[in-house]
Amino acid sequence: MSDGDVPDRSFVALRGRTTAGHDLDAVSLIVTERDDTAGLGLEEAAIVRMCASPTGVVEIASRLQLPVGMAQVLISGLLDQNRVTARHPQPATAASRHDADFLREVLVGLHNKL
């Protein structure tokens, strides 16, 4: 068998899919909903096991040594099967920005006292 006959790892893992069907941010947290891994590929099963506790998309990609885009496609497939759910980052609200400003002022005040 020549190298040309060996399928590419990413093509096999993605089962020919090229795009994620869900909008996943790199810092979205993924959580397992169904822990059975029957019928899943190696990478998909690893994601299901890994996400027993909330895990970021970028961390999943890093642990599996995959590009983030490839991890997003795999996770998207798991979302379609209701095996995982995604918790998307919340945009900063006016209140949280003010809290950050307040904490910055406290830090500066503490630093000035030292």
PDB file of N, CA and C in Angstrom:
ATOM      1  N   MET A   1       0.858  -1.176   0.000  1.00  0.00           N
ATOM      2  CA  MET A   1       0.000   0.000   0.000  1.00  0.00           C
ATOM      3  C   MET A   1       0.900   1.234   0.000  1.00  0.00           C
ATOM      4  N   SER A   2       0.689   2.103  -0.943  1.00  0.00           N
ATOM      5  CA  SER A   2       1.500   3.312  -1.021  1.00  0.00           C
ATOM      6  C   SER A   2       0.894   4.401  -0.155  1.00  0.00           C
ATOM      7  N   ASP A   3       1.679   5.471   0.090  1.00  0.00           N
ATOM      8  CA  ASP A   3       1.187   6.596   0.892  1.00  0.00           C
ATOM      9  C   ASP A   3      -0.072   7.208   0.280  1.00  0.00           C
ATOM     10  N   GLY A   4      -0.210   7.142  -1.030  1.00  0.00           N
ATOM     11  CA  GLY A   4      -1.381   7.676  -1.700  1.00  0.00           C
ATOM     12  C   GLY A   4      -2.641   6.888  -1.395  1.00  0.00           C
ATOM     13  N   ASP A   5      -2.473   5.633  -0.957  1.00  0.00           N
ATOM     14  CA  ASP A   5      -3.616   4.777  -0.635  1.00  0.00           C
ATOM     15  C   ASP A   5      -4.061   4.908   0.812  1.00  0.00           C
ATOM     16  N   VAL A   6      -3.242   5.546   1.646  1.00  0.00           N
ATOM     17  CA  VAL A   6      -3.565   5.696   3.062  1.00  0.00           C
ATOM     18  C   VAL A   6      -4.414   6.953   3.241  1.00  0.00           C
ATOM     19  N   PRO A   7      -5.618   6.800   3.785  1.00  0.00           N
ATOM     20  CA  PRO A   7      -6.458   7.995   3.956  1.00  0.00           C
ATOM     21  C   PRO A   7      -5.871   8.952   4.992  1.00  0.00           C
ATOM     22  N   ASP A   8      -6.098  10.222   4.760  1.00  0.00           N
ATOM     23  CA  ASP A   8      -5.632  11.262   5.663  1.00  0.00           C
ATOM     24  C   ASP A   8      -6.366  11.149   6.997  1.00  0.00           C
ATOM     25  N   ARG A   9      -5.642  11.318   8.114  1.00  0.00           N
ATOM     26  CA  ARG A   9      -6.233  11.204   9.450  1.00  0.00           C
ATOM     27  C   ARG A   9      -7.419  12.142   9.616  1.00  0.00           C
ATOM     28  N   SER A  10      -7.273  13.385   9.178  1.00  0.00           N
ATOM     29  CA  SER A  10      -8.347  14.354   9.356  1.00  0.00           C
ATOM     30  C   SER A  10      -9.576  13.978   8.539  1.00  0.00           C
ATOM     31  N   PHE A  11      -9.389  13.469   7.336  1.00  0.00           N
ATOM     32  CA  PHE A  11     -10.523  13.077   6.504  1.00  0.00           C
ATOM     33  C   PHE A  11     -11.288  11.933   7.163  1.00  0.00           C
ATOM     34  N   VAL A  12     -10.568  10.972   7.697  1.00  0.00           N
ATOM     35  CA  VAL A  12     -11.208   9.834   8.358  1.00  0.00           C
ATOM     36  C   VAL A  12     -11.922  10.290   9.625  1.00  0.00           C
ATOM     37  N   ALA A  13     -11.256  11.088  10.441  1.00  0.00           N
ATOM     38  CA  ALA A  13     -11.847  11.548  11.700  1.00  0.00           C
ATOM     39  C   ALA A  13     -13.087  12.390  11.465  1.00  0.00           C
ATOM     40  N   LEU A  14     -13.064  13.208  10.423  1.00  0.00           N
ATOM     41  CA  LEU A  14     -14.182  14.108  10.137  1.00  0.00           C
ATOM     42  C   LEU A  14     -15.265  13.445   9.288  1.00  0.00           C
ATOM     43  N   ARG A  15     -14.989  12.220   8.839  1.00  0.00           N
ATOM     44  CA  ARG A  15     -15.934  11.470   7.989  1.00  0.00           C
ATOM     45  C   ARG A  15     -16.356  12.290   6.774  1.00  0.00           C
ATOM     46  N   GLY A  16     -15.403  13.023   6.232  1.00  0.00           N
ATOM     47  CA  GLY A  16     -15.644  13.798   5.025  1.00  0.00           C
ATOM     48  C   GLY A  16     -16.255  15.174   5.253  1.00  0.00           C
ATOM     49  N   ARG A  17     -16.654  15.498   6.497  1.00  0.00           N
ATOM     50  CA  ARG A  17     -17.233  16.819   6.777  1.00  0.00           C
ATOM     51  C   ARG A  17     -16.125  17.870   6.708  1.00  0.00           C
ATOM     52  N   THR A  18     -16.488  19.044   6.247  1.00  0.00           N
ATOM     53  CA  THR A  18     -15.477  20.102   6.127  1.00  0.00           C
ATOM     54  C   THR A  18     -15.816  21.356   6.914  1.00  0.00           C
ATOM     55  N   THR A  19     -17.055  21.494   7.343  1.00  0.00           N
ATOM     56  CA  THR A  19     -17.443  22.685   8.092  1.00  0.00           C
ATOM     57  C   THR A  19     -18.255  22.301   9.327  1.00  0.00           C
ATOM     58  N   ALA A  20     -18.156  23.139  10.342  1.00  0.00           N
ATOM     59  CA  ALA A  20     -18.937  22.937  11.559  1.00  0.00           C
ATOM     60  C   ALA A  20     -20.341  23.468  11.324  1.00  0.00           C
ATOM     61  N   GLY A  21     -21.332  22.718  11.741  1.00  0.00           N
ATOM     62  CA  GLY A  21     -22.708  23.144  11.577  1.00  0.00           C
ATOM     63  C   GLY A  21     -23.180  24.056  12.691  1.00  0.00           C
ATOM     64  N   HIS A  22     -22.328  24.278  13.675  1.00  0.00           N
ATOM     65  CA  HIS A  22     -22.660  25.129  14.811  1.00  0.00           C
ATOM     66  C   HIS A  22     -21.592  26.203  14.959  1.00  0.00           C
ATOM     67  N   ASP A  23     -21.985  27.353  15.458  1.00  0.00           N
ATOM     68  CA  ASP A  23     -21.060  28.453  15.688  1.00  0.00           C
ATOM     69  C   ASP A  23     -20.402  28.251  17.049  1.00  0.00           C
ATOM     70  N   LEU A  24     -19.194  27.735  17.046  1.00  0.00           N
ATOM     71  CA  LEU A  24     -18.476  27.463  18.285  1.00  0.00           C
ATOM     72  C   LEU A  24     -17.287  28.394  18.419  1.00  0.00           C
ATOM     73  N   ASP A  25     -17.261  29.147  19.483  1.00  0.00           N
ATOM     74  CA  ASP A  25     -16.140  30.008  19.801  1.00  0.00           C
ATOM     75  C   ASP A  25     -15.029  29.126  20.374  1.00  0.00           C
ATOM     76  N   ALA A  26     -13.793  29.534  20.225  1.00  0.00           N
ATOM     77  CA  ALA A  26     -12.671  28.748  20.753  1.00  0.00           C
ATOM     78  C   ALA A  26     -12.745  28.571  22.263  1.00  0.00           C
ATOM     79  N   VAL A  27     -13.438  29.488  22.956  1.00  0.00           N
ATOM     80  CA  VAL A  27     -13.533  29.382  24.416  1.00  0.00           C
ATOM     81  C   VAL A  27     -14.894  28.857  24.877  1.00  0.00           C
ATOM     82  N   SER A  28     -15.742  28.424  23.940  1.00  0.00           N
ATOM     83  CA  SER A  28     -17.004  27.799  24.334  1.00  0.00           C
ATOM     84  C   SER A  28     -16.688  26.565  25.169  1.00  0.00           C
ATOM     85  N   LEU A  29     -17.494  26.334  26.198  1.00  0.00           N
ATOM     86  CA  LEU A  29     -17.312  25.161  27.039  1.00  0.00           C
ATOM     87  C   LEU A  29     -18.216  24.042  26.540  1.00  0.00           C
ATOM     88  N   ILE A  30     -17.660  22.857  26.443  1.00  0.00           N
ATOM     89  CA  ILE A  30     -18.382  21.693  25.960  1.00  0.00           C
ATOM     90  C   ILE A  30     -18.579  20.739  27.130  1.00  0.00           C
ATOM     91  N   VAL A  31     -19.816  20.221  27.270  1.00  0.00           N
ATOM     92  CA  VAL A  31     -20.150  19.334  28.382  1.00  0.00           C
ATOM     93  C   VAL A  31     -20.854  18.095  27.830  1.00  0.00           C
ATOM     94  N   THR A  32     -20.432  16.937  28.285  1.00  0.00           N
ATOM     95  CA  THR A  32     -21.036  15.675  27.862  1.00  0.00           C
ATOM     96  C   THR A  32     -22.441  15.539  28.432  1.00  0.00           C
ATOM     97  N   GLU A  33     -23.374  15.137  27.574  1.00  0.00           N
ATOM     98  CA  GLU A  33     -24.748  14.861  27.982  1.00  0.00           C
ATOM     99  C   GLU A  33     -25.029  13.367  27.985  1.00  0.00           C
ATOM    100  N   ARG A  34     -24.473  12.652  27.006  1.00  0.00           N
ATOM    101  CA  ARG A  34     -24.625  11.197  26.913  1.00  0.00           C
ATOM    102  C   ARG A  34     -23.226  10.609  26.860  1.00  0.00           C
ATOM    103  N   ASP A  35     -22.873   9.812  27.854  1.00  0.00           N
ATOM    104  CA  ASP A  35     -21.495   9.324  27.919  1.00  0.00           C
ATOM    105  C   ASP A  35     -21.238   8.034  27.153  1.00  0.00           C
ATOM    106  N   ASP A  36     -22.252   7.503  26.456  1.00  0.00           N
ATOM    107  CA  ASP A  36     -21.979   6.315  25.648  1.00  0.00           C
ATOM    108  C   ASP A  36     -21.205   6.725  24.402  1.00  0.00           C
ATOM    109  N   THR A  37     -20.260   5.892  24.014  1.00  0.00           N
ATOM    110  CA  THR A  37     -19.407   6.227  22.878  1.00  0.00           C
ATOM    111  C   THR A  37     -19.594   5.250  21.714  1.00  0.00           C
ATOM    112  N   ALA A  38     -20.641   4.441  21.779  1.00  0.00           N
ATOM    113  CA  ALA A  38     -20.896   3.468  20.712  1.00  0.00           C
ATOM    114  C   ALA A  38     -21.096   4.194  19.383  1.00  0.00           C
ATOM    115  N   GLY A  39     -20.413   3.700  18.363  1.00  0.00           N
ATOM    116  CA  GLY A  39     -20.557   4.247  17.023  1.00  0.00           C
ATOM    117  C   GLY A  39     -19.741   5.494  16.738  1.00  0.00           C
ATOM    118  N   LEU A  40     -18.935   5.927  17.697  1.00  0.00           N
ATOM    119  CA  LEU A  40     -18.123   7.129  17.508  1.00  0.00           C
ATOM    120  C   LEU A  40     -16.716   6.776  17.052  1.00  0.00           C
ATOM    121  N   GLY A  41     -16.097   7.716  16.347  1.00  0.00           N
ATOM    122  CA  GLY A  41     -14.693   7.578  15.994  1.00  0.00           C
ATOM    123  C   GLY A  41     -13.823   7.810  17.224  1.00  0.00           C
ATOM    124  N   LEU A  42     -12.542   7.538  17.101  1.00  0.00           N
ATOM    125  CA  LEU A  42     -11.623   7.675  18.241  1.00  0.00           C
ATOM    126  C   LEU A  42     -11.617   9.077  18.827  1.00  0.00           C
ATOM    127  N   GLU A  43     -11.529  10.085  17.957  1.00  0.00           N
ATOM    128  CA  GLU A  43     -11.474  11.467  18.430  1.00  0.00           C
ATOM    129  C   GLU A  43     -12.789  11.888  19.075  1.00  0.00           C
ATOM    130  N   GLU A  44     -13.919  11.491  18.466  1.00  0.00           N
ATOM    131  CA  GLU A  44     -15.221  11.841  19.023  1.00  0.00           C
ATOM    132  C   GLU A  44     -15.417  11.194  20.397  1.00  0.00           C
ATOM    133  N   ALA A  45     -15.041   9.935  20.522  1.00  0.00           N
ATOM    134  CA  ALA A  45     -15.161   9.246  21.807  1.00  0.00           C
ATOM    135  C   ALA A  45     -14.280   9.917  22.854  1.00  0.00           C
ATOM    136  N   ALA A  46     -13.090  10.344  22.455  1.00  0.00           N
ATOM    137  CA  ALA A  46     -12.193  11.033  23.388  1.00  0.00           C
ATOM    138  C   ALA A  46     -12.814  12.345  23.861  1.00  0.00           C
ATOM    139  N   ILE A  47     -13.485  13.061  22.963  1.00  0.00           N
ATOM    140  CA  ILE A  47     -14.140  14.321  23.334  1.00  0.00           C
ATOM    141  C   ILE A  47     -15.250  14.054  24.342  1.00  0.00           C
ATOM    142  N   VAL A  48     -16.063  13.041  24.103  1.00  0.00           N
ATOM    143  CA  VAL A  48     -17.156  12.706  25.026  1.00  0.00           C
ATOM    144  C   VAL A  48     -16.599  12.390  26.410  1.00  0.00           C
ATOM    145  N   ARG A  49     -15.539  11.603  26.475  1.00  0.00           N
ATOM    146  CA  ARG A  49     -14.936  11.257  27.783  1.00  0.00           C
ATOM    147  C   ARG A  49     -14.312  12.494  28.438  1.00  0.00           C
ATOM    148  N   MET A  50     -13.634  13.300  27.650  1.00  0.00           N
ATOM    149  CA  MET A  50     -12.932  14.479  28.155  1.00  0.00           C
ATOM    150  C   MET A  50     -13.892  15.519  28.735  1.00  0.00           C
ATOM    151  N   CYS A  51     -15.071  15.599  28.169  1.00  0.00           N
ATOM    152  CA  CYS A  51     -16.002  16.677  28.535  1.00  0.00           C
ATOM    153  C   CYS A  51     -16.993  16.271  29.625  1.00  0.00           C
ATOM    154  N   ALA A  52     -16.629  15.273  30.416  1.00  0.00           N
ATOM    155  CA  ALA A  52     -17.454  14.938  31.580  1.00  0.00           C
ATOM    156  C   ALA A  52     -17.537  16.158  32.493  1.00  0.00           C
ATOM    157  N   SER A  53     -16.491  16.959  32.487  1.00  0.00           N
ATOM    158  CA  SER A  53     -16.533  18.268  33.137  1.00  0.00           C
ATOM    159  C   SER A  53     -16.326  19.301  32.024  1.00  0.00           C
ATOM    160  N   PRO A  54     -16.886  20.501  32.178  1.00  0.00           N
ATOM    161  CA  PRO A  54     -16.805  21.498  31.094  1.00  0.00           C
ATOM    162  C   PRO A  54     -15.367  21.713  30.612  1.00  0.00           C
ATOM    163  N   THR A  55     -15.201  21.647  29.300  1.00  0.00           N
ATOM    164  CA  THR A  55     -13.879  21.775  28.687  1.00  0.00           C
ATOM    165  C   THR A  55     -13.984  22.704  27.485  1.00  0.00           C
ATOM    166  N   GLY A  56     -13.051  23.633  27.372  1.00  0.00           N
ATOM    167  CA  GLY A  56     -13.048  24.587  26.270  1.00  0.00           C
ATOM    168  C   GLY A  56     -12.662  23.949  24.950  1.00  0.00           C
ATOM    169  N   VAL A  57     -13.198  24.482  23.870  1.00  0.00           N
ATOM    170  CA  VAL A  57     -12.920  23.976  22.531  1.00  0.00           C
ATOM    171  C   VAL A  57     -11.419  23.975  22.261  1.00  0.00           C
ATOM    172  N   VAL A  58     -10.752  25.053  22.626  1.00  0.00           N
ATOM    173  CA  VAL A  58      -9.315  25.146  22.360  1.00  0.00           C
ATOM    174  C   VAL A  58      -8.532  24.109  23.186  1.00  0.00           C
ATOM    175  N   GLU A  59      -9.002  23.811  24.394  1.00  0.00           N
ATOM    176  CA  GLU A  59      -8.338  22.786  25.209  1.00  0.00           C
ATOM    177  C   GLU A  59      -8.553  21.402  24.602  1.00  0.00           C
ATOM    178  N   ILE A  60      -9.752  21.154  24.098  1.00  0.00           N
ATOM    179  CA  ILE A  60     -10.028  19.873  23.436  1.00  0.00           C
ATOM    180  C   ILE A  60      -9.083  19.699  22.256  1.00  0.00           C
ATOM    181  N   ALA A  61      -8.975  20.733  21.433  1.00  0.00           N
ATOM    182  CA  ALA A  61      -8.087  20.677  20.271  1.00  0.00           C
ATOM    183  C   ALA A  61      -6.646  20.413  20.697  1.00  0.00           C
ATOM    184  N   SER A  62      -6.214  21.086  21.758  1.00  0.00           N
ATOM    185  CA  SER A  62      -4.848  20.926  22.231  1.00  0.00           C
ATOM    186  C   SER A  62      -4.588  19.509  22.730  1.00  0.00           C
ATOM    187  N   ARG A  63      -5.488  19.002  23.542  1.00  0.00           N
ATOM    188  CA  ARG A  63      -5.301  17.653  24.095  1.00  0.00           C
ATOM    189  C   ARG A  63      -5.287  16.587  23.010  1.00  0.00           C
ATOM    190  N   LEU A  64      -6.094  16.782  21.972  1.00  0.00           N
ATOM    191  CA  LEU A  64      -6.155  15.800  20.887  1.00  0.00           C
ATOM    192  C   LEU A  64      -5.134  16.090  19.795  1.00  0.00           C
ATOM    193  N   GLN A  65      -4.394  17.173  19.955  1.00  0.00           N
ATOM    194  CA  GLN A  65      -3.387  17.593  18.978  1.00  0.00           C
ATOM    195  C   GLN A  65      -4.009  17.760  17.591  1.00  0.00           C
ATOM    196  N   LEU A  66      -5.123  18.522  17.576  1.00  0.00           N
ATOM    197  CA  LEU A  66      -5.855  18.800  16.345  1.00  0.00           C
ATOM    198  C   LEU A  66      -5.944  20.309  16.141  1.00  0.00           C
ATOM    199  N   PRO A  67      -6.086  20.761  14.901  1.00  0.00           N
ATOM    200  CA  PRO A  67      -6.376  22.174  14.681  1.00  0.00           C
ATOM    201  C   PRO A  67      -7.743  22.509  15.302  1.00  0.00           C
ATOM    202  N   VAL A  68      -7.920  23.731  15.767  1.00  0.00           N
ATOM    203  CA  VAL A  68      -9.178  24.141  16.401  1.00  0.00           C
ATOM    204  C   VAL A  68     -10.349  23.931  15.444  1.00  0.00           C
ATOM    205  N   GLY A  69     -10.181  24.252  14.174  1.00  0.00           N
ATOM    206  CA  GLY A  69     -11.256  24.078  13.197  1.00  0.00           C
ATOM    207  C   GLY A  69     -11.713  22.633  13.084  1.00  0.00           C
ATOM    208  N   MET A  70     -10.773  21.716  13.133  1.00  0.00           N
ATOM    209  CA  MET A  70     -11.112  20.290  13.065  1.00  0.00           C
ATOM    210  C   MET A  70     -11.871  19.875  14.328  1.00  0.00           C
ATOM    211  N   ALA A  71     -11.434  20.358  15.485  1.00  0.00           N
ATOM    212  CA  ALA A  71     -12.139  20.060  16.731  1.00  0.00           C
ATOM    213  C   ALA A  71     -13.558  20.620  16.680  1.00  0.00           C
ATOM    214  N   GLN A  72     -13.724  21.810  16.103  1.00  0.00           N
ATOM    215  CA  GLN A  72     -15.051  22.412  16.009  1.00  0.00           C
ATOM    216  C   GLN A  72     -15.988  21.563  15.144  1.00  0.00           C
ATOM    217  N   VAL A  73     -15.468  20.970  14.076  1.00  0.00           N
ATOM    218  CA  VAL A  73     -16.289  20.115  13.218  1.00  0.00           C
ATOM    219  C   VAL A  73     -16.693  18.850  13.986  1.00  0.00           C
ATOM    220  N   LEU A  74     -15.755  18.247  14.705  1.00  0.00           N
ATOM    221  CA  LEU A  74     -16.065  17.051  15.487  1.00  0.00           C
ATOM    222  C   LEU A  74     -17.100  17.346  16.567  1.00  0.00           C
ATOM    223  N   ILE A  75     -16.910  18.453  17.277  1.00  0.00           N
ATOM    224  CA  ILE A  75     -17.832  18.836  18.351  1.00  0.00           C
ATOM    225  C   ILE A  75     -19.210  19.132  17.765  1.00  0.00           C
ATOM    226  N   SER A  76     -19.242  19.769  16.614  1.00  0.00           N
ATOM    227  CA  SER A  76     -20.504  20.081  15.954  1.00  0.00           C
ATOM    228  C   SER A  76     -21.293  18.805  15.669  1.00  0.00           C
ATOM    229  N   GLY A  77     -20.605  17.776  15.221  1.00  0.00           N
ATOM    230  CA  GLY A  77     -21.265  16.491  14.979  1.00  0.00           C
ATOM    231  C   GLY A  77     -21.821  15.897  16.261  1.00  0.00           C
ATOM    232  N   LEU A  78     -21.077  16.035  17.355  1.00  0.00           N
ATOM    233  CA  LEU A  78     -21.553  15.536  18.652  1.00  0.00           C
ATOM    234  C   LEU A  78     -22.737  16.348  19.154  1.00  0.00           C
ATOM    235  N   LEU A  79     -22.753  17.640  18.857  1.00  0.00           N
ATOM    236  CA  LEU A  79     -23.903  18.482  19.205  1.00  0.00           C
ATOM    237  C   LEU A  79     -25.143  18.020  18.439  1.00  0.00           C
ATOM    238  N   ASP A  80     -24.976  17.691  17.160  1.00  0.00           N
ATOM    239  CA  ASP A  80     -26.096  17.212  16.350  1.00  0.00           C
ATOM    240  C   ASP A  80     -26.680  15.912  16.904  1.00  0.00           C
ATOM    241  N   GLN A  81     -25.839  15.103  17.534  1.00  0.00           N
ATOM    242  CA  GLN A  81     -26.273  13.821  18.102  1.00  0.00           C
ATOM    243  C   GLN A  81     -26.731  13.961  19.555  1.00  0.00           C
ATOM    244  N   ASN A  82     -26.729  15.187  20.065  1.00  0.00           N
ATOM    245  CA  ASN A  82     -27.107  15.467  21.461  1.00  0.00           C
ATOM    246  C   ASN A  82     -26.244  14.709  22.473  1.00  0.00           C
ATOM    247  N   ARG A  83     -24.996  14.465  22.103  1.00  0.00           N
ATOM    248  CA  ARG A  83     -24.068  13.806  23.031  1.00  0.00           C
ATOM    249  C   ARG A  83     -23.372  14.828  23.923  1.00  0.00           C
ATOM    250  N   VAL A  84     -23.267  16.060  23.430  1.00  0.00           N
ATOM    251  CA  VAL A  84     -22.660  17.147  24.199  1.00  0.00           C
ATOM    252  C   VAL A  84     -23.520  18.400  24.044  1.00  0.00           C
ATOM    253  N   THR A  85     -23.317  19.345  24.948  1.00  0.00           N
ATOM    254  CA  THR A  85     -23.916  20.670  24.804  1.00  0.00           C
ATOM    255  C   THR A  85     -22.793  21.696  24.871  1.00  0.00           C
ATOM    256  N   ALA A  86     -23.073  22.877  24.352  1.00  0.00           N
ATOM    257  CA  ALA A  86     -22.087  23.953  24.347  1.00  0.00           C
ATOM    258  C   ALA A  86     -22.593  25.102  25.195  1.00  0.00           C
ATOM    259  N   ARG A  87     -21.698  25.628  26.000  1.00  0.00           N
ATOM    260  CA  ARG A  87     -21.972  26.833  26.786  1.00  0.00           C
ATOM    261  C   ARG A  87     -21.114  27.934  26.195  1.00  0.00           C
ATOM    262  N   HIS A  88     -21.785  28.883  25.563  1.00  0.00           N
ATOM    263  CA  HIS A  88     -21.074  29.942  24.858  1.00  0.00           C
ATOM    264  C   HIS A  88     -20.695  31.068  25.816  1.00  0.00           C
ATOM    265  N   PRO A  89     -19.573  31.746  25.548  1.00  0.00           N
ATOM    266  CA  PRO A  89     -19.167  32.864  26.409  1.00  0.00           C
ATOM    267  C   PRO A  89     -20.202  33.981  26.343  1.00  0.00           C
ATOM    268  N   GLN A  90     -20.434  34.599  27.468  1.00  0.00           N
ATOM    269  CA  GLN A  90     -21.390  35.705  27.542  1.00  0.00           C
ATOM    270  C   GLN A  90     -20.666  37.010  27.258  1.00  0.00           C
ATOM    271  N   PRO A  91     -21.283  37.884  26.461  1.00  0.00           N
ATOM    272  CA  PRO A  91     -20.651  39.186  26.213  1.00  0.00           C
ATOM    273  C   PRO A  91     -20.617  40.003  27.496  1.00  0.00           C
ATOM    274  N   ALA A  92     -19.635  40.840  27.604  1.00  0.00           N
ATOM    275  CA  ALA A  92     -19.506  41.689  28.795  1.00  0.00           C
ATOM    276  C   ALA A  92     -20.675  42.649  28.872  1.00  0.00           C
ATOM    277  N   THR A  93     -21.242  42.763  30.038  1.00  0.00           N
ATOM    278  CA  THR A  93     -22.337  43.713  30.246  1.00  0.00           C
ATOM    279  C   THR A  93     -21.762  44.991  30.822  1.00  0.00           C
ATOM    280  N   ALA A  94     -22.554  46.038  30.819  1.00  0.00           N
ATOM    281  CA  ALA A  94     -22.106  47.314  31.386  1.00  0.00           C
ATOM    282  C   ALA A  94     -21.729  47.132  32.846  1.00  0.00           C
ATOM    283  N   ALA A  95     -22.505  46.337  33.587  1.00  0.00           N
ATOM    284  CA  ALA A  95     -22.222  46.129  35.010  1.00  0.00           C
ATOM    285  C   ALA A  95     -20.873  45.437  35.205  1.00  0.00           C
ATOM    286  N   SER A  96     -20.582  44.411  34.394  1.00  0.00           N
ATOM    287  CA  SER A  96     -19.314  43.705  34.567  1.00  0.00           C
ATOM    288  C   SER A  96     -18.138  44.588  34.178  1.00  0.00           C
ATOM    289  N   ARG A  97     -18.313  45.465  33.191  1.00  0.00           N
ATOM    290  CA  ARG A  97     -17.228  46.388  32.838  1.00  0.00           C
ATOM    291  C   ARG A  97     -16.975  47.347  33.988  1.00  0.00           C
ATOM    292  N   HIS A  98     -18.042  47.807  34.644  1.00  0.00           N
ATOM    293  CA  HIS A  98     -17.862  48.695  35.787  1.00  0.00           C
ATOM    294  C   HIS A  98     -17.190  47.949  36.935  1.00  0.00           C
ATOM    295  N   ASP A  99     -17.543  46.690  37.127  1.00  0.00           N
ATOM    296  CA  ASP A  99     -16.900  45.888  38.163  1.00  0.00           C
ATOM    297  C   ASP A  99     -15.402  45.773  37.892  1.00  0.00           C
ATOM    298  N   ALA A 100     -15.050  45.567  36.644  1.00  0.00           N
ATOM    299  CA  ALA A 100     -13.632  45.469  36.287  1.00  0.00           C
ATOM    300  C   ALA A 100     -12.928  46.791  36.554  1.00  0.00           C
ATOM    301  N   ASP A 101     -13.588  47.908  36.233  1.00  0.00           N
ATOM    302  CA  ASP A 101     -12.997  49.225  36.506  1.00  0.00           C
ATOM    303  C   ASP A 101     -12.815  49.420  38.009  1.00  0.00           C
ATOM    304  N   PHE A 102     -13.805  49.016  38.784  1.00  0.00           N
ATOM    305  CA  PHE A 102     -13.730  49.139  40.236  1.00  0.00           C
ATOM    306  C   PHE A 102     -12.572  48.311  40.787  1.00  0.00           C
ATOM    307  N   LEU A 103     -12.461  47.074  40.323  1.00  0.00           N
ATOM    308  CA  LEU A 103     -11.373  46.215  40.800  1.00  0.00           C
ATOM    309  C   LEU A 103     -10.008  46.772  40.408  1.00  0.00           C
ATOM    310  N   ARG A 104      -9.920  47.371  39.225  1.00  0.00           N
ATOM    311  CA  ARG A 104      -8.670  47.992  38.786  1.00  0.00           C
ATOM    312  C   ARG A 104      -8.303  49.141  39.725  1.00  0.00           C
ATOM    313  N   GLU A 105      -9.304  49.957  40.107  1.00  0.00           N
ATOM    314  CA  GLU A 105      -9.063  51.072  41.029  1.00  0.00           C
ATOM    315  C   GLU A 105      -8.627  50.563  42.398  1.00  0.00           C
ATOM    316  N   VAL A 106      -9.236  49.475  42.856  1.00  0.00           N
ATOM    317  CA  VAL A 106      -8.835  48.884  44.143  1.00  0.00           C
ATOM    318  C   VAL A 106      -7.391  48.417  44.060  1.00  0.00           C
ATOM    319  N   LEU A 107      -7.035  47.758  42.976  1.00  0.00           N
ATOM    320  CA  LEU A 107      -5.668  47.266  42.796  1.00  0.00           C
ATOM    321  C   LEU A 107      -4.671  48.420  42.793  1.00  0.00           C
ATOM    322  N   VAL A 108      -4.994  49.498  42.090  1.00  0.00           N
ATOM    323  CA  VAL A 108      -4.117  50.678  42.056  1.00  0.00           C
ATOM    324  C   VAL A 108      -4.000  51.270  43.457  1.00  0.00           C
ATOM    325  N   GLY A 109      -5.137  51.351  44.156  1.00  0.00           N
ATOM    326  CA  GLY A 109      -5.114  51.895  45.524  1.00  0.00           C
ATOM    327  C   GLY A 109      -4.248  51.060  46.456  1.00  0.00           C
ATOM    328  N   LEU A 110      -4.375  49.746  46.356  1.00  0.00           N
ATOM    329  CA  LEU A 110      -3.548  48.866  47.188  1.00  0.00           C
ATOM    330  C   LEU A 110      -2.065  48.998  46.838  1.00  0.00           C
ATOM    331  N   HIS A 111      -1.796  49.094  45.559  1.00  0.00           N
ATOM    332  CA  HIS A 111      -0.422  49.229  45.101  1.00  0.00           C
ATOM    333  C   HIS A 111       0.178  50.539  45.623  1.00  0.00           C
ATOM    334  N   ASN A 112      -0.596  51.619  45.627  1.00  0.00           N
ATOM    335  CA  ASN A 112      -0.122  52.930  46.102  1.00  0.00           C
ATOM    336  C   ASN A 112       0.154  52.924  47.602  1.00  0.00           C
ATOM    337  N   LYS A 113      -0.557  52.101  48.357  1.00  0.00           N
ATOM    338  CA  LYS A 113      -0.364  52.028  49.807  1.00  0.00           C
ATOM    339  C   LYS A 113       0.920  51.281  50.162  1.00  0.00           C
ATOM    340  N   LEU A 114       1.364  50.434  49.258  1.00  0.00           N
ATOM    341  CA  LEU A 114       2.582  49.660  49.546  1.00  0.00           C
ATOM    342  C   LEU A 114       3.769  50.468  49.307  1.00  0.00           C
TER     343      LEU A 114
END
